[in-house]
N, C-alpha and C. Protein backbone atom coordinates (compact mmCIF):
# COMPACT_ATOMS: atom_id res chain seq x y z
N MET A 1 -36.59 7.00 -15.36
CA MET A 1 -36.45 5.49 -14.79
C MET A 1 -37.84 5.09 -14.76
N GLU A 2 -38.16 3.93 -15.25
CA GLU A 2 -39.43 3.23 -15.07
C GLU A 2 -39.57 2.41 -13.78
N ARG A 3 -40.74 2.76 -13.17
CA ARG A 3 -41.01 1.94 -11.90
C ARG A 3 -41.60 0.57 -12.16
N ALA A 4 -41.36 -0.33 -11.13
CA ALA A 4 -42.00 -1.66 -11.22
C ALA A 4 -43.51 -1.42 -11.13
N MET A 5 -44.21 -2.39 -11.48
CA MET A 5 -45.75 -2.31 -11.34
C MET A 5 -46.20 -2.09 -9.93
N SER A 6 -45.40 -2.69 -8.91
CA SER A 6 -45.85 -2.55 -7.58
C SER A 6 -44.53 -2.54 -6.69
N ASP A 7 -44.59 -1.72 -5.60
CA ASP A 7 -43.63 -1.56 -4.65
C ASP A 7 -44.05 -2.25 -3.38
N ASP A 8 -45.23 -2.80 -3.45
CA ASP A 8 -45.88 -3.37 -2.24
C ASP A 8 -45.18 -4.55 -1.70
N LEU A 9 -45.41 -4.97 -0.41
CA LEU A 9 -44.91 -6.12 0.20
C LEU A 9 -46.08 -6.85 0.92
N ASN A 10 -46.29 -8.17 0.51
CA ASN A 10 -47.19 -8.98 1.21
C ASN A 10 -46.49 -10.06 1.96
N GLN A 11 -46.19 -9.64 3.37
CA GLN A 11 -45.33 -10.44 4.18
C GLN A 11 -46.02 -10.31 5.55
N TRP A 12 -46.22 -11.55 6.09
CA TRP A 12 -46.72 -11.57 7.55
C TRP A 12 -45.83 -12.70 8.27
N SER A 13 -45.61 -12.20 9.63
CA SER A 13 -44.85 -13.04 10.54
C SER A 13 -45.64 -13.04 11.85
N GLY A 14 -45.70 -14.31 12.59
CA GLY A 14 -46.17 -14.32 13.78
C GLY A 14 -45.74 -15.42 14.57
N ILE A 15 -45.68 -15.39 15.99
CA ILE A 15 -45.41 -16.45 16.92
C ILE A 15 -46.59 -16.73 17.60
N GLY A 16 -47.06 -18.18 17.78
CA GLY A 16 -48.22 -18.42 18.48
C GLY A 16 -48.15 -19.91 18.80
N ARG A 17 -49.18 -20.43 19.35
CA ARG A 17 -49.31 -21.78 19.74
C ARG A 17 -50.59 -22.46 18.97
N LEU A 18 -50.41 -23.58 18.51
CA LEU A 18 -51.52 -24.39 17.97
C LEU A 18 -52.63 -24.64 18.93
N GLY A 19 -53.87 -24.41 18.49
CA GLY A 19 -55.08 -24.67 19.27
C GLY A 19 -55.40 -26.28 19.34
N LYS A 20 -55.05 -26.88 18.23
CA LYS A 20 -55.36 -28.26 18.10
C LYS A 20 -54.31 -28.99 17.13
N ASP A 21 -54.34 -30.29 17.08
CA ASP A 21 -53.34 -30.88 16.09
C ASP A 21 -53.67 -30.46 14.80
N PRO A 22 -52.64 -30.34 13.93
CA PRO A 22 -52.81 -30.06 12.50
C PRO A 22 -53.49 -31.20 11.73
N GLU A 23 -54.12 -30.70 10.69
CA GLU A 23 -54.80 -31.78 9.80
C GLU A 23 -54.12 -31.76 8.51
N THR A 24 -53.77 -32.94 8.04
CA THR A 24 -52.99 -33.20 6.69
C THR A 24 -53.89 -33.91 5.83
N LYS A 25 -54.10 -33.29 4.63
CA LYS A 25 -54.84 -34.03 3.57
C LYS A 25 -53.95 -34.15 2.35
N TYR A 26 -54.36 -34.87 1.35
CA TYR A 26 -53.58 -35.03 0.11
C TYR A 26 -54.40 -34.62 -1.19
N THR A 27 -53.85 -33.85 -2.00
CA THR A 27 -54.64 -33.75 -3.16
C THR A 27 -54.64 -34.92 -4.11
N SER A 28 -55.46 -34.80 -5.13
CA SER A 28 -55.53 -35.92 -6.13
C SER A 28 -54.21 -36.34 -6.78
N GLY A 29 -53.39 -35.34 -6.84
CA GLY A 29 -51.99 -35.48 -7.39
C GLY A 29 -50.99 -35.87 -6.43
N GLY A 30 -51.50 -36.20 -5.17
CA GLY A 30 -50.57 -36.70 -4.08
C GLY A 30 -49.79 -35.67 -3.27
N ASN A 31 -50.11 -34.31 -3.47
CA ASN A 31 -49.41 -33.33 -2.73
C ASN A 31 -49.97 -33.09 -1.31
N ALA A 32 -49.18 -32.97 -0.38
CA ALA A 32 -49.70 -32.76 0.93
C ALA A 32 -50.16 -31.20 1.26
N VAL A 33 -51.14 -31.19 1.96
CA VAL A 33 -51.72 -29.86 2.42
C VAL A 33 -52.03 -30.03 3.92
N THR A 34 -51.47 -29.23 4.73
CA THR A 34 -51.59 -29.26 6.10
C THR A 34 -52.15 -27.86 6.63
N SER A 35 -53.22 -27.92 7.38
CA SER A 35 -53.80 -26.76 7.98
C SER A 35 -53.86 -26.72 9.41
N PHE A 36 -53.72 -25.59 10.19
CA PHE A 36 -53.91 -25.53 11.64
C PHE A 36 -54.23 -24.03 11.92
N SER A 37 -54.58 -23.85 13.03
CA SER A 37 -54.81 -22.45 13.67
C SER A 37 -53.88 -22.26 14.76
N MET A 38 -53.23 -21.02 14.78
CA MET A 38 -52.44 -20.68 15.86
C MET A 38 -52.87 -19.38 16.70
N ALA A 39 -52.81 -19.50 17.82
CA ALA A 39 -53.26 -18.38 18.87
C ALA A 39 -52.08 -17.40 18.91
N CYS A 40 -52.32 -16.22 18.64
CA CYS A 40 -51.35 -15.07 18.74
C CYS A 40 -51.94 -14.08 19.83
N ASN A 41 -51.41 -14.18 20.94
CA ASN A 41 -51.75 -13.29 22.10
C ASN A 41 -51.27 -11.85 21.84
N TRP A 42 -51.94 -10.85 22.31
CA TRP A 42 -51.58 -9.61 22.23
C TRP A 42 -52.01 -8.70 23.39
N LYS A 43 -51.25 -7.63 23.62
CA LYS A 43 -51.58 -6.71 24.83
C LYS A 43 -51.28 -5.28 24.47
N SER A 44 -52.26 -4.32 24.82
CA SER A 44 -52.00 -2.97 24.61
C SER A 44 -52.08 -2.47 26.03
N ALA A 45 -52.02 -1.13 26.10
CA ALA A 45 -52.07 -0.49 27.45
C ALA A 45 -53.49 -0.71 28.23
N ASN A 46 -54.48 -0.85 27.44
CA ASN A 46 -55.78 -1.02 28.06
C ASN A 46 -56.57 -2.22 27.83
N ASP A 47 -55.94 -3.16 26.96
CA ASP A 47 -56.76 -4.38 26.63
C ASP A 47 -55.76 -5.44 26.24
N GLU A 48 -56.19 -6.71 26.27
CA GLU A 48 -55.28 -7.73 25.70
C GLU A 48 -56.43 -8.86 25.17
N GLY A 49 -55.88 -9.73 24.42
CA GLY A 49 -56.64 -10.76 23.68
C GLY A 49 -55.80 -11.75 22.97
N THR A 50 -56.53 -12.50 22.24
CA THR A 50 -55.96 -13.54 21.33
C THR A 50 -56.51 -13.59 19.92
N THR A 51 -55.67 -13.46 18.94
CA THR A 51 -56.08 -13.61 17.52
C THR A 51 -55.81 -14.95 17.04
N TRP A 52 -56.80 -15.66 16.48
CA TRP A 52 -56.61 -16.95 15.85
C TRP A 52 -56.37 -16.73 14.52
N VAL A 53 -55.23 -17.29 13.95
CA VAL A 53 -54.72 -17.03 12.62
C VAL A 53 -54.68 -18.51 11.97
N PRO A 54 -55.57 -18.72 10.92
CA PRO A 54 -55.53 -19.98 10.23
C PRO A 54 -54.34 -19.95 9.24
N ILE A 55 -53.62 -21.14 9.30
CA ILE A 55 -52.35 -21.45 8.44
C ILE A 55 -52.64 -22.50 7.59
N VAL A 56 -52.11 -22.45 6.31
CA VAL A 56 -52.13 -23.54 5.36
C VAL A 56 -50.74 -23.74 4.86
N THR A 57 -50.15 -24.96 4.86
CA THR A 57 -48.81 -25.16 4.34
C THR A 57 -49.08 -26.24 3.19
N PHE A 58 -48.16 -26.25 2.30
CA PHE A 58 -48.17 -27.18 1.08
C PHE A 58 -46.89 -27.97 0.89
N GLY A 59 -46.94 -29.17 0.25
CA GLY A 59 -45.78 -29.94 -0.16
C GLY A 59 -45.03 -30.48 1.11
N LYS A 60 -43.60 -30.39 0.88
CA LYS A 60 -42.76 -30.90 1.97
C LYS A 60 -42.93 -30.28 3.29
N LEU A 61 -43.19 -28.94 3.21
CA LEU A 61 -43.42 -28.29 4.52
C LEU A 61 -44.73 -28.77 5.20
N ALA A 62 -45.78 -29.06 4.46
CA ALA A 62 -46.99 -29.57 5.09
C ALA A 62 -46.73 -30.92 5.69
N GLU A 63 -45.96 -31.74 5.04
CA GLU A 63 -45.54 -33.06 5.55
C GLU A 63 -44.75 -32.93 6.98
N ILE A 64 -43.92 -32.01 6.97
CA ILE A 64 -43.10 -31.81 8.21
C ILE A 64 -44.14 -31.30 9.35
N CYS A 65 -44.90 -30.23 8.92
CA CYS A 65 -45.78 -29.83 9.99
C CYS A 65 -46.74 -30.90 10.62
N GLY A 66 -47.31 -31.73 9.58
CA GLY A 66 -48.21 -32.77 9.90
C GLY A 66 -47.56 -33.62 10.95
N LYS A 67 -46.16 -33.96 10.79
CA LYS A 67 -45.46 -35.01 11.45
C LYS A 67 -44.94 -34.54 12.78
N TYR A 68 -44.58 -33.25 12.88
CA TYR A 68 -43.93 -32.77 14.18
C TYR A 68 -44.80 -31.82 14.95
N LEU A 69 -45.82 -31.17 14.40
CA LEU A 69 -46.43 -30.20 15.12
C LEU A 69 -47.64 -30.88 15.86
N ARG A 70 -48.07 -30.46 17.11
CA ARG A 70 -49.02 -30.88 17.94
C ARG A 70 -49.76 -29.84 18.53
N LYS A 71 -51.04 -29.98 19.12
CA LYS A 71 -51.71 -29.06 19.92
C LYS A 71 -50.84 -28.44 20.98
N GLY A 72 -50.60 -27.11 21.10
CA GLY A 72 -49.80 -26.62 22.17
C GLY A 72 -48.37 -26.18 21.56
N SER A 73 -47.98 -26.76 20.49
CA SER A 73 -46.69 -26.45 19.95
C SER A 73 -46.50 -24.95 19.66
N GLN A 74 -45.41 -24.35 19.92
CA GLN A 74 -45.11 -23.03 19.61
C GLN A 74 -44.44 -22.92 18.45
N VAL A 75 -45.04 -22.10 17.38
CA VAL A 75 -44.33 -21.95 16.03
C VAL A 75 -44.15 -20.57 15.78
N TYR A 76 -43.19 -20.26 14.83
CA TYR A 76 -42.86 -19.10 14.21
C TYR A 76 -43.36 -19.28 12.69
N VAL A 77 -44.29 -18.49 12.21
CA VAL A 77 -44.69 -18.51 10.79
C VAL A 77 -44.46 -17.35 10.03
N SER A 78 -43.96 -17.37 8.82
CA SER A 78 -43.74 -16.23 7.97
C SER A 78 -44.15 -16.67 6.65
N GLY A 79 -44.96 -15.71 6.01
CA GLY A 79 -45.35 -16.03 4.61
C GLY A 79 -46.29 -14.98 4.07
N LYS A 80 -46.83 -15.32 2.94
CA LYS A 80 -47.79 -14.33 2.29
C LYS A 80 -49.18 -14.36 3.11
N PHE A 81 -49.60 -13.23 3.29
CA PHE A 81 -50.99 -13.07 3.92
C PHE A 81 -52.01 -13.01 2.77
N GLU A 82 -53.04 -13.87 2.92
CA GLU A 82 -54.10 -14.05 1.95
C GLU A 82 -55.44 -14.22 2.72
N VAL A 83 -56.42 -13.38 2.20
CA VAL A 83 -57.74 -13.45 2.79
C VAL A 83 -58.59 -14.18 1.82
N ASN A 84 -59.33 -15.22 2.21
CA ASN A 84 -60.24 -16.02 1.38
C ASN A 84 -61.55 -15.55 1.79
N GLN A 85 -62.56 -15.38 0.77
CA GLN A 85 -63.92 -15.13 1.05
C GLN A 85 -64.76 -16.00 0.13
N TRP A 86 -65.87 -16.38 0.77
CA TRP A 86 -66.88 -17.23 0.14
C TRP A 86 -68.19 -16.89 0.41
N GLU A 87 -69.21 -17.26 -0.38
CA GLU A 87 -70.58 -17.00 -0.25
C GLU A 87 -71.36 -18.20 0.17
N THR A 88 -72.23 -18.04 1.20
CA THR A 88 -72.85 -19.17 1.72
C THR A 88 -74.06 -19.51 0.70
N GLU A 89 -74.79 -20.64 0.86
CA GLU A 89 -75.92 -20.92 0.01
C GLU A 89 -77.09 -20.01 0.20
N SER A 90 -77.10 -19.25 1.35
CA SER A 90 -78.25 -18.26 1.38
C SER A 90 -77.70 -16.87 0.88
N GLY A 91 -76.60 -16.73 0.36
CA GLY A 91 -76.11 -15.57 -0.32
C GLY A 91 -75.23 -14.54 0.59
N GLU A 92 -74.86 -15.00 1.83
CA GLU A 92 -74.21 -14.21 2.65
C GLU A 92 -72.72 -14.22 2.43
């Protein structure tokens, strides 16, 4: 039996609160893109803290997020985890 190329799963889920109002922008084609950061608090036996997670939504979901979410809103987010990297002008 032949295996699929990958049996991996790229799925992330979290519950947190927005640190500020979401920002909605539109592409040149008119598609909505809304971004916000959510604070996910965590606690272990010896420590606790907050992880800020940047979220980007597209299309109809972006429009809904921009219309109904505000700073302090509690949200559940589930989706693909993606890390973006870039290089500064100084090469870092």
